[in-house]
Amino acid sequence: MDANSFEVIDNHGLQKPIMKYQTIQVLHEDVNACNSEGDWLGGREGEEVVMGMVGMLVVVVGVVVVGVVVVVGVGMLVVVVVGVGMLVVVVVVVGMLMVVVVVGMVVVGMVVVVVVVGMVVVGMLVVVGMLVVVMVGSGESKRRVEGREKGKKYRI
């Protein structure tokens, strides 16, 4: 057959048929696949990859001491992590004005880097600082399929 045609092979109980020479994305631990020759690779669960929120390491860099005192004394800054890759910054200020601008979020693997440029105006006091929060979590379990990370595209 030519390169543009596809041949349906035995899907071994999968919901969707696997086409030969098709690039698939493994999204579930029970996904089983065949290689390009049609050899049955089986589907073992593999090792667990632990990640998430348990034992979270938070590193704060570049916060001025005055800024920290102002934030702690005047308002309450709450950082809530909702899942992996999502970060919600909740700022509660009583009787004061606080402007927090999130300028960047970089997700590299399981390392979430959040750059927050905060500007706090309290009466005549103006504090401008940069807050960098790096969170490396552990807790939420993921699976590896055939030694390859789930979600990675590869040829079968």
Protein backbone atom coordinates (compact mmCIF):
# COMPACT_ATOMS: atom_id res chain seq x y z
CA MET A 1 0.00 0.00 0.00
CA ASP A 2 1.13 3.56 -0.52
CA ALA A 3 2.17 5.92 2.25
CA ASN A 4 -1.15 7.72 2.33
CA SER A 5 -3.34 4.70 3.01
CA PHE A 6 -4.01 3.29 6.44
CA GLU A 7 -4.57 -0.30 7.45
CA VAL A 8 -6.74 -1.06 10.44
CA ILE A 9 -5.07 -3.59 12.72
CA ASP A 10 -6.49 -5.54 15.64
CA ASN A 11 -7.17 -3.06 18.41
CA HIS A 12 -7.27 -5.77 21.11
CA GLY A 13 -10.34 -4.34 22.80
CA LEU A 14 -9.48 -0.66 22.48
CA GLN A 15 -12.39 1.70 21.98
CA LYS A 16 -10.83 3.29 18.92
CA PRO A 17 -9.01 1.29 16.23
CA ILE A 18 -5.29 1.83 15.86
CA MET A 19 -4.16 2.64 12.34
CA LYS A 20 -0.80 1.49 11.12
CA TYR A 21 1.82 4.25 11.00
CA GLN A 22 -0.47 6.55 12.94
CA THR A 23 0.87 8.91 15.57
CA ILE A 24 -1.18 8.50 18.72
CA GLN A 25 -1.11 10.23 22.07
CA VAL A 26 -1.15 7.99 25.12
CA LEU A 27 -3.55 9.52 27.62
CA HIS A 28 -4.55 6.60 29.82
CA GLU A 29 -2.68 3.99 31.78
CA ASP A 30 -4.66 1.18 30.17
CA VAL A 31 -3.77 2.12 26.60
CA ASN A 32 -2.23 -0.79 24.74
CA ALA A 33 -0.47 -0.37 21.43
CA CYS A 34 1.09 -2.21 18.54
CA ASN A 35 4.26 -1.14 16.80
CA SER A 36 4.56 -0.37 13.10
CA GLU A 37 5.05 -4.07 12.34
CA GLY A 38 1.83 -4.94 14.13
CA ASP A 39 3.55 -6.73 16.99
CA TRP A 40 1.48 -6.71 20.15
CA LEU A 41 3.27 -4.67 22.79
CA GLY A 42 0.81 -5.46 25.54
CA GLY A 43 0.02 -2.88 28.15
CA ARG A 44 1.54 -2.95 31.57
CA GLU A 45 0.90 -0.22 34.08
CA GLY A 46 4.54 0.48 34.81
CA GLU A 47 5.94 2.52 37.64
CA GLU A 48 4.13 5.31 39.39
CA VAL A 49 5.33 8.84 38.99
CA VAL A 50 4.54 10.84 42.09
CA MET A 51 3.80 14.51 41.73
CA GLY A 52 1.29 17.02 42.96
CA MET A 53 0.92 19.07 46.09
CA VAL A 54 2.12 16.93 49.01
CA GLY A 55 5.48 18.02 50.31
CA MET A 56 5.41 21.17 48.21
CA LEU A 57 8.56 23.24 48.19
CA VAL A 58 7.96 26.97 47.88
CA VAL A 59 10.88 29.25 47.15
CA VAL A 60 10.36 33.00 47.31
CA VAL A 61 13.02 35.16 45.70
CA GLY A 62 13.36 38.90 45.39
CA VAL A 63 10.88 40.16 47.97
CA VAL A 64 11.95 43.31 49.79
CA VAL A 65 11.74 43.12 53.58
CA VAL A 66 9.55 46.23 53.67
CA GLY A 67 7.27 44.71 51.07
CA VAL A 68 6.91 41.52 53.09
CA VAL A 69 6.12 43.48 56.25
CA VAL A 70 3.54 45.58 54.40
CA VAL A 71 1.87 42.57 52.83
CA VAL A 72 1.75 40.61 56.08
CA GLY A 73 0.76 43.53 58.28
CA VAL A 74 -1.78 45.29 56.07
CA GLY A 75 -3.34 42.63 53.89
CA MET A 76 -3.42 38.88 53.54
CA LEU A 77 -1.91 37.24 50.48
CA VAL A 78 -3.20 33.74 49.83
CA VAL A 79 -1.75 31.55 47.12
CA VAL A 80 -3.96 28.60 46.24
CA VAL A 81 -2.73 25.86 43.93
CA VAL A 82 -5.55 24.17 42.04
CA GLY A 83 -4.17 21.14 40.29
CA VAL A 84 -1.00 21.05 38.24
CA GLY A 85 -0.28 24.07 36.09
CA MET A 86 -2.98 26.23 37.64
CA LEU A 87 -2.22 28.85 40.25
CA VAL A 88 -4.72 31.28 41.74
CA VAL A 89 -3.50 34.34 43.60
CA VAL A 90 -6.06 35.73 46.03
CA VAL A 91 -5.33 39.10 47.60
CA VAL A 92 -7.39 40.35 50.53
CA VAL A 93 -6.76 43.95 51.56
CA VAL A 94 -8.66 45.83 54.25
CA GLY A 95 -8.79 49.60 53.82
CA MET A 96 -5.73 49.69 51.59
CA LEU A 97 -4.94 49.50 47.90
CA MET A 98 -2.96 46.57 46.58
CA VAL A 99 -2.30 45.90 42.92
CA VAL A 100 -0.80 42.54 42.03
CA VAL A 101 0.04 41.81 38.41
CA VAL A 102 0.93 38.30 37.33
CA VAL A 103 3.35 38.76 34.44
CA GLY A 104 4.33 35.20 33.73
CA MET A 105 3.77 31.54 34.46
CA VAL A 106 6.18 28.93 33.18
CA VAL A 107 5.46 25.24 33.56
CA VAL A 108 8.48 23.01 33.00
CA GLY A 109 7.64 19.40 33.70
CA MET A 110 6.35 19.42 37.25
CA VAL A 111 8.10 22.68 38.18
CA VAL A 112 5.74 25.63 38.20
CA VAL A 113 7.47 28.99 38.07
CA VAL A 114 5.27 31.99 38.71
CA VAL A 115 6.62 35.50 38.35
CA VAL A 116 4.55 38.08 40.15
CA VAL A 117 5.35 41.78 40.01
CA GLY A 118 3.58 43.38 42.93
CA MET A 119 2.93 47.08 43.58
CA VAL A 120 1.63 48.03 47.01
CA VAL A 121 0.49 51.59 47.66
CA VAL A 122 -0.23 52.37 51.31
CA GLY A 123 -0.72 56.07 51.94
CA MET A 124 2.61 57.62 50.98
CA LEU A 125 4.44 54.28 50.94
CA VAL A 126 5.08 52.72 47.54
CA VAL A 127 6.69 49.30 47.47
CA VAL A 128 7.63 47.72 44.17
CA GLY A 129 9.06 44.23 44.23
CA MET A 130 9.28 41.04 42.26
CA LEU A 131 7.98 37.75 43.62
CA VAL A 132 9.13 34.48 42.11
CA VAL A 133 7.40 31.38 43.41
CA VAL A 134 8.82 28.01 42.45
CA MET A 135 6.74 25.02 43.45
CA VAL A 136 7.96 21.46 43.12
CA GLY A 137 5.17 19.18 44.21
CA SER A 138 4.63 15.52 44.95
CA GLY A 139 1.43 13.67 45.69
CA GLU A 140 -0.71 13.26 42.61
CA SER A 141 0.11 9.95 40.98
CA LYS A 142 0.64 9.56 37.27
CA ARG A 143 1.44 6.46 35.29
CA ARG A 144 4.05 5.47 32.76
CA VAL A 145 3.04 3.33 29.82
CA GLU A 146 5.70 0.97 28.51
CA GLY A 147 8.36 3.12 30.15
CA ARG A 148 7.25 6.18 28.20
CA GLU A 149 5.57 9.12 29.85
CA LYS A 150 1.85 9.42 29.46
CA GLY A 151 0.82 12.19 27.10
CA LYS A 152 3.93 12.00 24.96
CA LYS A 153 3.33 11.44 21.27
CA TYR A 154 5.27 8.65 19.64
CA ARG A 155 5.12 6.46 16.58
CA ILE A 156 3.65 3.01 16.91
